[in-house]
Amino acid sequence: MGEKRHAGFKNMLESMKKRARALYGEVPMFPSLLITKNKLEPQGAFAVAQAKYLKPNQDTVNRLVSLLRDKNIGIVAHFYMDPEV
């Protein structure tokens, strides 16, 4: 009896999802980064931009570090800033 209820509830839930999609259309994907040991999967346009900067060009990084040391300056950034920072 429990399996039938579970299947009935699941079918009802899927039916509600289909109706909601039909009424409102697909909801854009919330930007997120799925990070595992072996890969990085950006989901959504903003996450794609963020992922690009998680693996920066090492030559560019070295030049920036050198410039910052020469000028004796630093960079302050927060998690909510554009990923380019």
Protein backbone atom coordinates (compact mmCIF):
# COMPACT_ATOMS: atom_id res chain seq x y z
CA MET A 1 0.00 0.00 0.00
CA GLY A 2 2.84 2.41 0.85
CA GLU A 3 4.44 2.03 -2.59
CA LYS A 4 1.16 2.93 -4.31
CA ARG A 5 0.85 6.08 -2.21
CA HIS A 6 4.43 7.00 -2.97
CA ALA A 7 3.89 6.51 -6.71
CA GLY A 8 0.63 8.47 -6.55
CA PHE A 9 2.28 11.36 -4.77
CA LYS A 10 5.19 11.33 -7.21
CA ASN A 11 2.80 11.42 -10.18
CA MET A 12 0.83 14.26 -8.60
CA LEU A 13 4.03 16.23 -8.00
CA GLU A 14 5.21 15.73 -11.61
CA SER A 15 1.79 16.82 -12.85
CA MET A 16 2.01 20.03 -10.79
CA LYS A 17 5.51 20.73 -12.17
CA LYS A 18 4.26 20.32 -15.75
CA ARG A 19 1.34 22.66 -15.11
CA ALA A 20 3.60 25.28 -13.52
CA ARG A 21 6.01 25.11 -16.48
CA ALA A 22 3.11 25.47 -18.89
CA LEU A 23 1.86 28.56 -17.03
CA TYR A 24 5.13 30.30 -16.33
CA GLY A 25 7.65 28.79 -18.72
CA GLU A 26 11.02 27.45 -17.71
CA VAL A 27 12.74 29.24 -14.86
CA PRO A 28 16.29 30.37 -15.68
CA MET A 29 18.95 28.30 -13.94
CA PHE A 30 20.28 29.80 -10.72
CA PRO A 31 24.01 30.42 -11.21
CA SER A 32 26.04 27.91 -9.29
CA LEU A 33 29.36 26.13 -9.47
CA LEU A 34 29.45 22.40 -8.94
CA ILE A 35 33.00 21.70 -7.77
CA THR A 36 34.22 18.14 -7.35
CA LYS A 37 37.65 16.60 -6.99
CA ASN A 38 38.10 16.19 -10.74
CA LYS A 39 35.94 18.84 -12.38
CA LEU A 40 34.25 22.20 -12.21
CA GLU A 41 30.76 22.53 -13.71
CA PRO A 42 29.40 26.06 -14.03
CA GLN A 43 25.61 26.29 -14.27
CA GLY A 44 24.24 29.55 -15.63
CA ALA A 45 25.95 32.43 -17.45
CA PHE A 46 27.32 34.17 -14.35
CA ALA A 47 28.77 30.90 -13.07
CA VAL A 48 30.50 30.37 -16.45
CA ALA A 49 32.17 33.79 -16.01
CA GLN A 50 33.19 32.89 -12.45
CA ALA A 51 34.62 29.54 -13.51
CA LYS A 52 36.83 31.27 -16.08
CA TYR A 53 38.59 33.12 -13.26
CA LEU A 54 38.99 30.09 -11.02
CA LYS A 55 41.61 28.78 -13.46
CA PRO A 56 43.37 31.99 -14.56
CA ASN A 57 46.27 32.17 -16.99
CA GLN A 58 49.37 31.64 -14.83
CA ASP A 59 51.51 34.12 -16.83
CA THR A 60 48.93 36.84 -16.25
CA VAL A 61 48.82 36.04 -12.53
CA ASN A 62 52.62 36.15 -12.27
CA ARG A 63 52.75 39.53 -14.03
CA LEU A 64 50.07 40.92 -11.71
CA VAL A 65 51.84 39.62 -8.58
CA SER A 66 55.09 41.17 -9.77
CA LEU A 67 53.41 44.52 -10.47
CA LEU A 68 51.69 44.52 -7.07
CA ARG A 69 54.99 43.83 -5.30
CA ASP A 70 56.81 46.51 -7.29
CA LYS A 71 54.14 49.11 -6.50
CA ASN A 72 53.62 47.83 -2.93
CA ILE A 73 49.85 47.65 -3.36
CA GLY A 74 47.12 45.06 -2.80
CA ILE A 75 43.67 44.18 -4.10
CA VAL A 76 40.59 43.91 -1.92
CA ALA A 77 37.60 42.04 -3.35
CA HIS A 78 34.43 40.49 -1.99
CA PHE A 79 32.52 37.39 -3.04
CA TYR A 80 29.64 39.47 -4.46
CA MET A 81 31.85 41.42 -6.88
CA ASP A 82 32.20 40.68 -10.57
CA PRO A 83 34.31 37.58 -11.09
CA GLU A 84 36.83 39.56 -13.19
CA VAL A 85 38.05 41.27 -10.02
